[in-house]
Amino acid sequence: MEDISALKALLSTPKHIVVTVHHRPDGDALGSGLGLAALLRKQQHQVQVIAPSAYPDFLGWLPGAPDVIVFEKKNQQKASDFLKKADVIFCVDFPTLCRLNGMEAMVRETTATKVVIDHHPNEGEFAALAFRDTTSAATAELLYEIFEGLGVQDLIDKDIAECLYVGIMTDTGSFKHATTTAKTHRIAARLIDHGADITKATHWVCRNNSLNKLAFLGFALSHRFVVLKEYNTAYFFITAEDYKNYALETGDTEGLVDYALSVRNIAFAATIKEKKDCISLSLRSSGEVPVNLWAKEHFGGGGHKNAAGGISQLTLAETVAKFEDLVKINKKTLTN
């Protein structure tokens, strides 16, 4: 890591620091952000974590989560005050400032030194220091290596270890995704050595479903699931009315796309969701199907080769039709 000396120098004296994560933060974003913030506080820095939007309820138990400023929950002024005062802004688990949504302009315009820590493909440089590794299974995995590079791994306590462990666990699908490596398991083991309670993490992340979420899962599998067998593709579509009928909350549709990808012979899967201001898409694939390129080219998004996302300003029906057309055009890629 060529920038590790520069980062060590940057953090050599107490600073006002903001840690930011991407819109709709997942376990890796929130876990990495909270773990980083906790360690920086141990180095006597003043740190505030700011999220553009709410995180899922099943992550609310993470140490430090209740203190996160959620920008979209009428906290714009509070967030602005912290950003203006910041000497350093860490941008965690996202490759481009547009992933901050309504916070983008505020962060872009600040004079603070920006530091990126991310495992997504690079989509343009905006930071003074950048730590990127697309081979890392999670940003939390990369962050642990940065702690080692800084020589501060002895500061990792139980709370920090659990934050990073959840980041790795969620982004690897509980160590099932192809991105999981021997290094991933070694770092997870070190986090357990640092005190991470994996039974507690598994309980809160995997065994904490609401009845509404489970009822919706049954409904979605029965009424919102489409299999395009000829194209090795399956997808869910979710209407605004579905969100209302099942009182779905942030994170309740997370993991739904994995049910589609779990079907035998399916190579490409998606969830297509009708939101207030757009249609959002979560794309997953197996093998050589490059969903990040499809997301970038057709839905203004991006991500990893086998896990990406994007948005559409078309209607839900039009977006579904566009998605199916894309599938048909790429039949050869999907069926090889």
C-alpha atoms as a PDB file:
ATOM      1  CA  MET A   1       0.000   0.000   0.000  1.00  0.00           C
ATOM      2  CA  GLU A   2       1.953   2.982  -1.283  1.00  0.00           C
ATOM      3  CA  ASP A   3      -0.202   5.587   0.478  1.00  0.00           C
ATOM      4  CA  ILE A   4       0.040   4.048   3.938  1.00  0.00           C
ATOM      5  CA  SER A   5       2.896   6.361   5.014  1.00  0.00           C
ATOM      6  CA  ALA A   6       0.930   9.390   3.845  1.00  0.00           C
ATOM      7  CA  LEU A   7      -2.128   8.186   5.792  1.00  0.00           C
ATOM      8  CA  LYS A   8      -0.018   7.624   8.890  1.00  0.00           C
ATOM      9  CA  ALA A   9       1.328  11.181   8.611  1.00  0.00           C
ATOM     10  CA  LEU A  10      -2.188  12.573   8.058  1.00  0.00           C
ATOM     11  CA  LEU A  11      -3.413  10.909  11.251  1.00  0.00           C
ATOM     12  CA  SER A  12      -0.324  11.707  13.320  1.00  0.00           C
ATOM     13  CA  THR A  13      -2.055  14.583  15.131  1.00  0.00           C
ATOM     14  CA  PRO A  14      -5.684  14.819  16.364  1.00  0.00           C
ATOM     15  CA  LYS A  15      -8.130  15.832  13.625  1.00  0.00           C
ATOM     16  CA  HIS A  16     -11.810  16.498  13.096  1.00  0.00           C
ATOM     17  CA  ILE A  17     -12.882  13.569  10.934  1.00  0.00           C
ATOM     18  CA  VAL A  18     -16.075  12.594   9.143  1.00  0.00           C
ATOM     19  CA  VAL A  19     -16.595   9.009   7.989  1.00  0.00           C
ATOM     20  CA  THR A  20     -19.115   8.700   5.148  1.00  0.00           C
ATOM     21  CA  VAL A  21     -20.724   5.618   3.631  1.00  0.00           C
ATOM     22  CA  HIS A  22     -22.844   5.114   0.544  1.00  0.00           C
ATOM     23  CA  HIS A  23     -26.583   5.639   0.079  1.00  0.00           C
ATOM     24  CA  ARG A  24     -28.627   2.775   1.569  1.00  0.00           C
ATOM     25  CA  PRO A  25     -25.642   1.453   3.534  1.00  0.00           C
ATOM     26  CA  ASP A  26     -25.301  -2.307   3.769  1.00  0.00           C
ATOM     27  CA  GLY A  27     -23.417  -4.369   6.335  1.00  0.00           C
ATOM     28  CA  ASP A  28     -20.023  -3.774   4.764  1.00  0.00           C
ATOM     29  CA  ALA A  29     -20.471  -0.002   4.462  1.00  0.00           C
ATOM     30  CA  LEU A  30     -21.859   0.498   7.966  1.00  0.00           C
ATOM     31  CA  GLY A  31     -19.603  -2.080   9.628  1.00  0.00           C
ATOM     32  CA  SER A  32     -16.468  -0.673   7.989  1.00  0.00           C
ATOM     33  CA  GLY A  33     -17.472   2.916   8.712  1.00  0.00           C
ATOM     34  CA  LEU A  34     -18.247   2.263  12.375  1.00  0.00           C
ATOM     35  CA  GLY A  35     -15.128   0.133  12.875  1.00  0.00           C
ATOM     36  CA  LEU A  36     -12.924   2.823  11.333  1.00  0.00           C
ATOM     37  CA  ALA A  37     -14.554   5.568  13.407  1.00  0.00           C
ATOM     38  CA  ALA A  38     -14.105   3.630  16.648  1.00  0.00           C
ATOM     39  CA  LEU A  39     -10.420   3.022  15.993  1.00  0.00           C
ATOM     40  CA  LEU A  40      -9.799   6.667  15.035  1.00  0.00           C
ATOM     41  CA  ARG A  41     -11.395   7.768  18.316  1.00  0.00           C
ATOM     42  CA  LYS A  42      -8.879   5.592  20.151  1.00  0.00           C
ATOM     43  CA  GLN A  43      -6.207   7.718  18.467  1.00  0.00           C
ATOM     44  CA  GLN A  44      -7.788  10.847  19.979  1.00  0.00           C
ATOM     45  CA  HIS A  45      -9.486  12.087  16.809  1.00  0.00           C
ATOM     46  CA  GLN A  46     -12.953  13.707  16.899  1.00  0.00           C
ATOM     47  CA  VAL A  47     -15.054  11.501  14.606  1.00  0.00           C
ATOM     48  CA  GLN A  48     -18.617  11.556  13.274  1.00  0.00           C
ATOM     49  CA  VAL A  49     -20.160   8.928  10.974  1.00  0.00           C
ATOM     50  CA  ILE A  50     -22.677  10.313   8.469  1.00  0.00           C
ATOM     51  CA  ALA A  51     -24.871   8.154   6.211  1.00  0.00           C
ATOM     52  CA  PRO A  52     -26.844   9.615   3.293  1.00  0.00           C
ATOM     53  CA  SER A  53     -29.855   7.434   4.129  1.00  0.00           C
ATOM     54  CA  ALA A  54     -31.075   4.961   6.727  1.00  0.00           C
ATOM     55  CA  TYR A  55     -29.404   1.612   7.340  1.00  0.00           C
ATOM     56  CA  PRO A  56     -31.394  -1.644   7.783  1.00  0.00           C
ATOM     57  CA  ASP A  57     -32.806  -2.386  11.238  1.00  0.00           C
ATOM     58  CA  PHE A  58     -30.832  -5.628  11.495  1.00  0.00           C
ATOM     59  CA  LEU A  59     -27.632  -3.548  11.658  1.00  0.00           C
ATOM     60  CA  GLY A  60     -28.879  -1.280  14.442  1.00  0.00           C
ATOM     61  CA  TRP A  61     -27.147  -3.359  17.137  1.00  0.00           C
ATOM     62  CA  LEU A  62     -23.669  -2.581  15.801  1.00  0.00           C
ATOM     63  CA  PRO A  63     -21.591  -0.567  18.280  1.00  0.00           C
ATOM     64  CA  GLY A  64     -21.918   3.109  17.379  1.00  0.00           C
ATOM     65  CA  ALA A  65     -24.876   2.693  15.007  1.00  0.00           C
ATOM     66  CA  PRO A  66     -27.316   4.788  17.105  1.00  0.00           C
ATOM     67  CA  ASP A  67     -24.920   7.755  16.868  1.00  0.00           C
ATOM     68  CA  VAL A  68     -24.787   7.787  13.053  1.00  0.00           C
ATOM     69  CA  ILE A  69     -26.221  10.962  11.546  1.00  0.00           C
ATOM     70  CA  VAL A  70     -28.685   9.960   8.819  1.00  0.00           C
ATOM     71  CA  PHE A  71     -28.695  12.849   6.342  1.00  0.00           C
ATOM     72  CA  GLU A  72     -32.142  12.159   4.869  1.00  0.00           C
ATOM     73  CA  LYS A  73     -33.834  12.184   8.286  1.00  0.00           C
ATOM     74  CA  LYS A  74     -33.943  16.004   8.447  1.00  0.00           C
ATOM     75  CA  ASN A  75     -30.297  16.143   9.519  1.00  0.00           C
ATOM     76  CA  GLN A  76     -28.957  18.165   6.596  1.00  0.00           C
ATOM     77  CA  GLN A  77     -27.817  21.111   8.724  1.00  0.00           C
ATOM     78  CA  LYS A  78     -26.191  18.913  11.334  1.00  0.00           C
ATOM     79  CA  ALA A  79     -24.349  16.963   8.619  1.00  0.00           C
ATOM     80  CA  SER A  80     -23.293  20.194   6.919  1.00  0.00           C
ATOM     81  CA  ASP A  81     -21.849  21.553  10.171  1.00  0.00           C
ATOM     82  CA  PHE A  82     -19.690  18.462  10.697  1.00  0.00           C
ATOM     83  CA  LEU A  83     -18.526  18.414   7.076  1.00  0.00           C
ATOM     84  CA  LYS A  84     -17.517  22.081   7.147  1.00  0.00           C
ATOM     85  CA  LYS A  85     -15.488  21.514  10.313  1.00  0.00           C
ATOM     86  CA  ALA A  86     -13.815  18.317   9.068  1.00  0.00           C
ATOM     87  CA  ASP A  87     -10.082  18.169   8.407  1.00  0.00           C
ATOM     88  CA  VAL A  88     -10.405  14.688   6.884  1.00  0.00           C
ATOM     89  CA  ILE A  89     -13.309  12.866   5.225  1.00  0.00           C
ATOM     90  CA  PHE A  90     -13.118   9.098   4.821  1.00  0.00           C
ATOM     91  CA  CYS A  91     -15.256   7.768   1.955  1.00  0.00           C
ATOM     92  CA  VAL A  92     -15.900   4.135   2.797  1.00  0.00           C
ATOM     93  CA  ASP A  93     -17.195   1.396   0.476  1.00  0.00           C
ATOM     94  CA  PHE A  94     -18.037   3.502  -2.575  1.00  0.00           C
ATOM     95  CA  PRO A  95     -16.025   4.482  -5.682  1.00  0.00           C
ATOM     96  CA  THR A  96     -17.662   7.746  -6.727  1.00  0.00           C
ATOM     97  CA  LEU A  97     -19.240  10.691  -4.900  1.00  0.00           C
ATOM     98  CA  CYS A  98     -22.571  10.269  -6.692  1.00  0.00           C
ATOM     99  CA  ARG A  99     -23.173   7.318  -4.342  1.00  0.00           C
ATOM    100  CA  LEU A 100     -23.712   9.910  -1.604  1.00  0.00           C
ATOM    101  CA  ASN A 101     -26.890  11.147  -3.297  1.00  0.00           C
ATOM    102  CA  GLY A 102     -28.018  14.364  -1.564  1.00  0.00           C
ATOM    103  CA  MET A 103     -24.698  14.686   0.285  1.00  0.00           C
ATOM    104  CA  GLU A 104     -22.591  14.671  -2.881  1.00  0.00           C
ATOM    105  CA  ALA A 105     -22.249  18.431  -3.363  1.00  0.00           C
ATOM    106  CA  MET A 106     -21.492  19.068   0.314  1.00  0.00           C
ATOM    107  CA  VAL A 107     -18.661  16.518   0.353  1.00  0.00           C
ATOM    108  CA  ARG A 108     -17.302  17.527  -3.044  1.00  0.00           C
ATOM    109  CA  GLU A 109     -17.087  21.209  -2.107  1.00  0.00           C
ATOM    110  CA  THR A 110     -15.413  20.789   1.260  1.00  0.00           C
ATOM    111  CA  THR A 111     -11.701  21.531   1.528  1.00  0.00           C
ATOM    112  CA  ALA A 112     -11.093  18.547   3.806  1.00  0.00           C
ATOM    113  CA  THR A 113      -8.572  15.895   2.759  1.00  0.00           C
ATOM    114  CA  LYS A 114     -10.550  13.031   1.274  1.00  0.00           C
ATOM    115  CA  VAL A 115      -9.507   9.408   1.745  1.00  0.00           C
ATOM    116  CA  VAL A 116     -11.163   6.521  -0.121  1.00  0.00           C
ATOM    117  CA  ILE A 117     -11.270   2.970   1.237  1.00  0.00           C
ATOM    118  CA  ASP A 118     -13.120   0.706  -1.182  1.00  0.00           C
ATOM    119  CA  HIS A 119     -13.171  -2.628  -2.980  1.00  0.00           C
ATOM    120  CA  HIS A 120     -15.295  -1.644  -5.992  1.00  0.00           C
ATOM    121  CA  PRO A 121     -13.834  -0.969  -9.459  1.00  0.00           C
ATOM    122  CA  ASN A 122     -12.407   2.550  -9.735  1.00  0.00           C
ATOM    123  CA  GLU A 123     -14.783   5.012 -11.386  1.00  0.00           C
ATOM    124  CA  GLY A 124     -12.713   8.192 -11.217  1.00  0.00           C
ATOM    125  CA  GLU A 125     -10.374   9.739  -8.689  1.00  0.00           C
ATOM    126  CA  PHE A 126     -11.648  12.435  -6.333  1.00  0.00           C
ATOM    127  CA  ALA A 127      -9.544  11.840  -3.215  1.00  0.00           C
ATOM    128  CA  ALA A 128      -6.062  12.810  -2.073  1.00  0.00           C
ATOM    129  CA  LEU A 129      -5.468   9.262  -0.819  1.00  0.00           C
ATOM    130  CA  ALA A 130      -7.107   6.116  -2.146  1.00  0.00           C
ATOM    131  CA  PHE A 131      -6.960   2.550  -0.886  1.00  0.00           C
ATOM    132  CA  ARG A 132      -8.689   0.332  -3.431  1.00  0.00           C
ATOM    133  CA  ASP A 133      -8.504  -3.423  -3.867  1.00  0.00           C
ATOM    134  CA  THR A 134     -11.066  -5.148  -6.066  1.00  0.00           C
ATOM    135  CA  THR A 135      -9.712  -8.534  -4.972  1.00  0.00           C
ATOM    136  CA  SER A 136     -10.865  -7.913  -1.385  1.00  0.00           C
ATOM    137  CA  ALA A 137     -14.103  -9.706  -0.592  1.00  0.00           C
ATOM    138  CA  ALA A 138     -15.276  -6.693   1.425  1.00  0.00           C
ATOM    139  CA  THR A 139     -14.136  -3.195   2.284  1.00  0.00           C
ATOM    140  CA  ALA A 140     -13.927  -4.428   5.893  1.00  0.00           C
ATOM    141  CA  GLU A 141     -11.296  -6.956   4.787  1.00  0.00           C
ATOM    142  CA  LEU A 142      -9.253  -4.199   3.144  1.00  0.00           C
ATOM    143  CA  LEU A 143      -9.702  -1.971   6.195  1.00  0.00           C
ATOM    144  CA  TYR A 144      -8.208  -4.641   8.455  1.00  0.00           C
ATOM    145  CA  GLU A 145      -5.147  -4.749   6.195  1.00  0.00           C
ATOM    146  CA  ILE A 146      -4.887  -0.955   6.404  1.00  0.00           C
ATOM    147  CA  PHE A 147      -4.947  -1.208  10.209  1.00  0.00           C
ATOM    148  CA  GLU A 148      -2.100  -3.709   9.951  1.00  0.00           C
ATOM    149  CA  GLY A 149      -0.207  -1.384   7.608  1.00  0.00           C
ATOM    150  CA  LEU A 150      -0.604   1.451  10.096  1.00  0.00           C
ATOM    151  CA  GLY A 151       0.513  -0.859  12.906  1.00  0.00           C
ATOM    152  CA  VAL A 152      -2.642  -0.200  14.938  1.00  0.00           C
ATOM    153  CA  GLN A 153      -4.240  -3.654  14.868  1.00  0.00           C
ATOM    154  CA  ASP A 154      -3.606  -3.938  18.629  1.00  0.00           C
ATOM    155  CA  LEU A 155      -6.228  -1.193  19.083  1.00  0.00           C
ATOM    156  CA  ILE A 156      -8.935  -3.468  17.663  1.00  0.00           C
ATOM    157  CA  ASP A 157     -11.282  -4.365  20.490  1.00  0.00           C
ATOM    158  CA  LYS A 158     -14.420  -6.504  20.579  1.00  0.00           C
ATOM    159  CA  ASP A 159     -16.672  -3.739  19.228  1.00  0.00           C
ATOM    160  CA  ILE A 160     -14.394  -2.893  16.301  1.00  0.00           C
ATOM    161  CA  ALA A 161     -13.874  -6.586  15.546  1.00  0.00           C
ATOM    162  CA  GLU A 162     -17.636  -7.213  15.409  1.00  0.00           C
ATOM    163  CA  CYS A 163     -18.173  -4.266  13.066  1.00  0.00           C
ATOM    164  CA  LEU A 164     -15.537  -5.531  10.637  1.00  0.00           C
ATOM    165  CA  TYR A 165     -16.682  -9.141  10.941  1.00  0.00           C
ATOM    166  CA  VAL A 166     -20.249  -8.155  10.006  1.00  0.00           C
ATOM    167  CA  GLY A 167     -18.878  -6.249   7.024  1.00  0.00           C
ATOM    168  CA  ILE A 168     -17.081  -9.330   5.757  1.00  0.00           C
ATOM    169  CA  MET A 169     -19.882 -11.748   6.629  1.00  0.00           C
ATOM    170  CA  THR A 170     -22.589  -9.761   4.827  1.00  0.00           C
ATOM    171  CA  ASP A 171     -20.601  -8.908   1.693  1.00  0.00           C
ATOM    172  CA  THR A 172     -19.569 -12.526   1.216  1.00  0.00           C
ATOM    173  CA  GLY A 173     -23.073 -13.892   1.776  1.00  0.00           C
ATOM    174  CA  SER A 174     -21.851 -15.610   4.953  1.00  0.00           C
ATOM    175  CA  PHE A 175     -18.662 -16.687   3.135  1.00  0.00           C
ATOM    176  CA  LYS A 176     -20.542 -18.280   0.215  1.00  0.00           C
ATOM    177  CA  HIS A 177     -19.718 -15.861  -2.627  1.00  0.00           C
ATOM    178  CA  ALA A 178     -16.933 -16.531  -5.104  1.00  0.00           C
ATOM    179  CA  THR A 179     -15.026 -13.493  -3.805  1.00  0.00           C
ATOM    180  CA  THR A 180     -14.325 -15.337  -0.536  1.00  0.00           C
ATOM    181  CA  THR A 181     -10.658 -16.327  -0.342  1.00  0.00           C
ATOM    182  CA  ALA A 182      -8.304 -17.964   2.119  1.00  0.00           C
ATOM    183  CA  LYS A 183      -7.231 -14.426   3.103  1.00  0.00           C
ATOM    184  CA  THR A 184     -10.855 -13.571   3.852  1.00  0.00           C
ATOM    185  CA  HIS A 185     -11.086 -16.501   6.267  1.00  0.00           C
ATOM    186  CA  ARG A 186      -7.733 -15.649   7.856  1.00  0.00           C
ATOM    187  CA  ILE A 187      -8.821 -12.061   8.551  1.00  0.00           C
ATOM    188  CA  ALA A 188     -12.206 -13.259   9.864  1.00  0.00           C
ATOM    189  CA  ALA A 189     -10.314 -15.605  12.219  1.00  0.00           C
ATOM    190  CA  ARG A 190      -8.151 -12.718  13.454  1.00  0.00           C
ATOM    191  CA  LEU A 191     -11.293 -10.694  14.154  1.00  0.00           C
ATOM    192  CA  ILE A 192     -12.603 -13.593  16.234  1.00  0.00           C
ATOM    193  CA  ASP A 193      -9.278 -13.528  18.093  1.00  0.00           C
ATOM    194  CA  HIS A 194      -9.915  -9.822  18.731  1.00  0.00           C
ATOM    195  CA  GLY A 195     -13.226 -10.749  20.389  1.00  0.00           C
ATOM    196  CA  ALA A 196     -15.863 -10.740  17.641  1.00  0.00           C
ATOM    197  CA  ASP A 197     -18.905 -12.702  18.837  1.00  0.00           C
ATOM    198  CA  ILE A 198     -19.942 -14.546  15.677  1.00  0.00           C
ATOM    199  CA  THR A 199     -22.968 -16.141  17.347  1.00  0.00           C
ATOM    200  CA  LYS A 200     -24.330 -12.692  18.169  1.00  0.00           C
ATOM    201  CA  ALA A 201     -23.527 -11.395  14.685  1.00  0.00           C
ATOM    202  CA  THR A 202     -25.278 -14.330  13.046  1.00  0.00           C
ATOM    203  CA  HIS A 203     -28.323 -13.899  15.273  1.00  0.00           C
ATOM    204  CA  TRP A 204     -28.822 -10.206  14.518  1.00  0.00           C
ATOM    205  CA  VAL A 205     -28.025 -10.365  10.813  1.00  0.00           C
ATOM    206  CA  CYS A 206     -29.537 -13.718   9.810  1.00  0.00           C
ATOM    207  CA  ARG A 207     -32.135 -14.598  12.475  1.00  0.00           C
ATOM    208  CA  ASN A 208     -33.839 -11.300  13.104  1.00  0.00           C
ATOM    209  CA  ASN A 209     -36.577 -11.235  10.462  1.00  0.00           C
ATOM    210  CA  SER A 210     -39.874  -9.467  11.035  1.00  0.00           C
ATOM    211  CA  LEU A 211     -43.114 -11.321  10.331  1.00  0.00           C
ATOM    212  CA  ASN A 212     -43.882  -8.768   7.601  1.00  0.00           C
ATOM    213  CA  LYS A 213     -40.597  -9.552   5.872  1.00  0.00           C
ATOM    214  CA  LEU A 214     -41.259 -13.298   5.905  1.00  0.00           C
ATOM    215  CA  ALA A 215     -44.853 -12.824   4.750  1.00  0.00           C
ATOM    216  CA  PHE A 216     -43.600 -10.680   1.891  1.00  0.00           C
ATOM    217  CA  LEU A 217     -41.006 -13.299   0.951  1.00  0.00           C
ATOM    218  CA  GLY A 218     -43.749 -15.866   0.544  1.00  0.00           C
ATOM    219  CA  PHE A 219     -45.830 -13.440  -1.511  1.00  0.00           C
ATOM    220  CA  ALA A 220     -42.862 -12.457  -3.694  1.00  0.00           C
ATOM    221  CA  LEU A 221     -41.936 -16.069  -4.435  1.00  0.00           C
ATOM    222  CA  SER A 222     -45.544 -16.828  -5.382  1.00  0.00           C
ATOM    223  CA  HIS A 223     -46.548 -13.647  -7.215  1.00  0.00           C
ATOM    224  CA  ARG A 224     -43.500 -11.501  -8.057  1.00  0.00           C
ATOM    225  CA  PHE A 225     -41.020 -14.099  -9.305  1.00  0.00           C
ATOM    226  CA  VAL A 226     -40.335 -14.554 -13.021  1.00  0.00           C
ATOM    227  CA  VAL A 227     -38.093 -17.248 -14.514  1.00  0.00           C
ATOM    228  CA  LEU A 228     -36.857 -16.873 -18.087  1.00  0.00           C
ATOM    229  CA  LYS A 229     -35.697 -20.460 -18.379  1.00  0.00           C
ATOM    230  CA  GLU A 230     -34.548 -20.163 -21.981  1.00  0.00           C
ATOM    231  CA  TYR A 231     -32.148 -17.408 -20.937  1.00  0.00           C
ATOM    232  CA  ASN A 232     -30.952 -18.817 -17.577  1.00  0.00           C
ATOM    233  CA  THR A 233     -32.385 -15.724 -15.923  1.00  0.00           C
ATOM    234  CA  ALA A 234     -34.767 -15.076 -13.022  1.00  0.00           C
ATOM    235  CA  TYR A 235     -35.975 -11.872 -11.414  1.00  0.00           C
ATOM    236  CA  PHE A 236     -38.343 -10.359  -8.879  1.00  0.00           C
ATOM    237  CA  PHE A 237     -40.340  -7.180  -9.483  1.00  0.00           C
ATOM    238  CA  ILE A 238     -41.694  -5.240  -6.515  1.00  0.00           C
ATOM    239  CA  THR A 239     -44.338  -2.545  -6.773  1.00  0.00           C
ATOM    240  CA  ALA A 240     -44.839   0.529  -4.604  1.00  0.00           C
ATOM    241  CA  GLU A 241     -48.096  -1.042  -3.479  1.00  0.00           C
ATOM    242  CA  ASP A 242     -46.190  -4.118  -2.249  1.00  0.00           C
ATOM    243  CA  TYR A 243     -44.037  -1.918  -0.014  1.00  0.00           C
ATOM    244  CA  LYS A 244     -47.169  -0.371   1.435  1.00  0.00           C
ATOM    245  CA  ASN A 245     -49.146  -3.605   1.850  1.00  0.00           C
ATOM    246  CA  TYR A 246     -46.352  -5.360   3.735  1.00  0.00           C
ATOM    247  CA  ALA A 247     -45.025  -2.271   5.562  1.00  0.00           C
ATOM    248  CA  LEU A 248     -41.557  -3.045   4.218  1.00  0.00           C
ATOM    249  CA  GLU A 249     -38.675  -1.204   5.851  1.00  0.00           C
ATOM    250  CA  THR A 250     -35.111  -0.472   4.798  1.00  0.00           C
ATOM    251  CA  GLY A 251     -33.308  -3.779   4.256  1.00  0.00           C
ATOM    252  CA  ASP A 252     -36.429  -5.968   4.042  1.00  0.00           C
ATOM    253  CA  THR A 253     -35.809  -6.784   0.372  1.00  0.00           C
ATOM    254  CA  GLU A 254     -32.087  -7.327   0.879  1.00  0.00           C
ATOM    255  CA  GLY A 255     -31.068 -10.835  -0.129  1.00  0.00           C
ATOM    256  CA  LEU A 256     -34.189 -11.414  -2.225  1.00  0.00           C
ATOM    257  CA  VAL A 257     -32.110 -11.491  -5.402  1.00  0.00           C
ATOM    258  CA  ASP A 258     -30.100 -14.399  -3.978  1.00  0.00           C
ATOM    259  CA  TYR A 259     -33.234 -16.572  -4.023  1.00  0.00           C
ATOM    260  CA  ALA A 260     -33.459 -15.969  -7.758  1.00  0.00           C
ATOM    261  CA  LEU A 261     -29.789 -16.801  -8.298  1.00  0.00           C
ATOM    262  CA  SER A 262     -30.125 -19.963  -6.197  1.00  0.00           C
ATOM    263  CA  VAL A 263     -32.401 -21.629  -8.771  1.00  0.00           C
ATOM    264  CA  ARG A 264     -30.717 -24.441 -10.694  1.00  0.00           C
ATOM    265  CA  ASN A 265     -29.135 -23.280 -13.992  1.00  0.00           C
ATOM    266  CA  ILE A 266     -29.807 -19.578 -13.329  1.00  0.00           C
ATOM    267  CA  ALA A 267     -26.823 -17.436 -14.335  1.00  0.00           C
ATOM    268  CA  PHE A 268     -28.375 -13.944 -14.083  1.00  0.00           C
ATOM    269  CA  ALA A 269     -30.748 -12.663 -11.394  1.00  0.00           C
ATOM    270  CA  ALA A 270     -32.296  -9.358 -10.430  1.00  0.00           C
ATOM    271  CA  THR A 271     -34.707  -7.550  -8.189  1.00  0.00           C
ATOM    272  CA  ILE A 272     -36.464  -4.609  -9.809  1.00  0.00           C
ATOM    273  CA  LYS A 273     -38.052  -2.336  -7.214  1.00  0.00           C
ATOM    274  CA  GLU A 274     -40.426   0.589  -7.591  1.00  0.00           C
ATOM    275  CA  LYS A 275     -39.238   3.387  -5.294  1.00  0.00           C
ATOM    276  CA  LYS A 276     -40.650   6.878  -4.735  1.00  0.00           C
ATOM    277  CA  ASP A 277     -38.272   8.645  -7.107  1.00  0.00           C
ATOM    278  CA  CYS A 278     -36.960   5.881  -9.388  1.00  0.00           C
ATOM    279  CA  ILE A 279     -36.820   2.172 -10.151  1.00  0.00           C
ATOM    280  CA  SER A 280     -33.841   0.499  -8.469  1.00  0.00           C
ATOM    281  CA  LEU A 281     -32.201  -2.681  -9.699  1.00  0.00           C
ATOM    282  CA  SER A 282     -30.017  -5.178  -7.854  1.00  0.00           C
ATOM    283  CA  LEU A 283     -28.192  -7.496 -10.253  1.00  0.00           C
ATOM    284  CA  ARG A 284     -26.386 -10.739  -9.469  1.00  0.00           C
ATOM    285  CA  SER A 285     -24.690 -13.354 -11.652  1.00  0.00           C
ATOM    286  CA  SER A 286     -22.523 -16.406 -11.592  1.00  0.00           C
ATOM    287  CA  GLY A 287     -19.498 -17.249 -13.695  1.00  0.00           C
ATOM    288  CA  GLU A 288     -18.497 -14.835 -16.434  1.00  0.00           C
ATOM    289  CA  VAL A 289     -21.679 -12.763 -16.683  1.00  0.00           C
ATOM    290  CA  PRO A 290     -20.469  -9.146 -16.102  1.00  0.00           C
ATOM    291  CA  VAL A 291     -23.422  -7.492 -14.390  1.00  0.00           C
ATOM    292  CA  ASN A 292     -21.349  -4.444 -13.400  1.00  0.00           C
ATOM    293  CA  LEU A 293     -20.852  -3.568 -17.080  1.00  0.00           C
ATOM    294  CA  TRP A 294     -24.544  -4.061 -17.814  1.00  0.00           C
ATOM    295  CA  ALA A 295     -25.493  -1.932 -14.816  1.00  0.00           C
ATOM    296  CA  LYS A 296     -23.163   0.860 -15.906  1.00  0.00           C
ATOM    297  CA  GLU A 297     -24.163   0.840 -19.573  1.00  0.00           C
ATOM    298  CA  HIS A 298     -27.920   0.396 -19.242  1.00  0.00           C
ATOM    299  CA  PHE A 299     -28.891   1.576 -15.742  1.00  0.00           C
ATOM    300  CA  GLY A 300     -26.377   4.261 -14.769  1.00  0.00           C
ATOM    301  CA  GLY A 301     -24.911   2.120 -12.008  1.00  0.00           C
ATOM    302  CA  GLY A 302     -21.980  -0.176 -11.348  1.00  0.00           C
ATOM    303  CA  GLY A 303     -20.449  -2.530  -8.845  1.00  0.00           C
ATOM    304  CA  HIS A 304     -18.649  -5.857  -9.005  1.00  0.00           C
ATOM    305  CA  LYS A 305     -18.537  -8.321 -11.874  1.00  0.00           C
ATOM    306  CA  ASN A 306     -21.074 -10.615 -10.188  1.00  0.00           C
ATOM    307  CA  ALA A 307     -22.914  -8.096  -7.982  1.00  0.00           C
ATOM    308  CA  ALA A 308     -24.025  -4.659  -9.099  1.00  0.00           C
ATOM    309  CA  GLY A 309     -26.891  -2.205  -9.064  1.00  0.00           C
ATOM    310  CA  GLY A 310     -28.446   0.652 -10.956  1.00  0.00           C
ATOM    311  CA  ILE A 311     -31.516   2.829 -11.376  1.00  0.00           C
ATOM    312  CA  SER A 312     -34.084   3.603 -14.044  1.00  0.00           C
ATOM    313  CA  GLN A 313     -36.280   6.683 -14.545  1.00  0.00           C
ATOM    314  CA  LEU A 314     -38.738   4.650 -16.629  1.00  0.00           C
ATOM    315  CA  THR A 315     -41.881   3.145 -15.145  1.00  0.00           C
ATOM    316  CA  LEU A 316     -41.688  -0.255 -13.485  1.00  0.00           C
ATOM    317  CA  ALA A 317     -43.329  -1.943 -16.496  1.00  0.00           C
ATOM    318  CA  GLU A 318     -40.978  -0.168 -18.911  1.00  0.00           C
ATOM    319  CA  THR A 319     -37.937  -1.079 -16.819  1.00  0.00           C
ATOM    320  CA  VAL A 320     -38.973  -4.735 -16.698  1.00  0.00           C
ATOM    321  CA  ALA A 321     -39.420  -4.704 -20.481  1.00  0.00           C
ATOM    322  CA  LYS A 322     -35.979  -3.098 -20.919  1.00  0.00           C
ATOM    323  CA  PHE A 323     -34.445  -5.693 -18.602  1.00  0.00           C
ATOM    324  CA  GLU A 324     -36.010  -8.578 -20.533  1.00  0.00           C
ATOM    325  CA  ASP A 325     -34.844  -7.078 -23.842  1.00  0.00           C
ATOM    326  CA  LEU A 326     -31.308  -6.878 -22.437  1.00  0.00           C
ATOM    327  CA  VAL A 327     -31.518 -10.525 -21.417  1.00  0.00           C
ATOM    328  CA  LYS A 328     -32.676 -11.605 -24.869  1.00  0.00           C
ATOM    329  CA  ILE A 329     -29.937  -9.642 -26.638  1.00  0.00           C
ATOM    330  CA  ASN A 330     -27.337 -11.329 -24.420  1.00  0.00           C
ATOM    331  CA  LYS A 331     -28.712 -14.872 -24.729  1.00  0.00           C
ATOM    332  CA  LYS A 332     -25.372 -16.271 -25.930  1.00  0.00           C
ATOM    333  CA  THR A 333     -23.504 -14.932 -22.881  1.00  0.00           C
ATOM    334  CA  LEU A 334     -26.149 -16.205 -20.498  1.00  0.00           C
ATOM    335  CA  THR A 335     -26.500 -19.717 -21.886  1.00  0.00           C
ATOM    336  CA  ASN A 336     -22.872 -20.641 -22.593  1.00  0.00           C
END
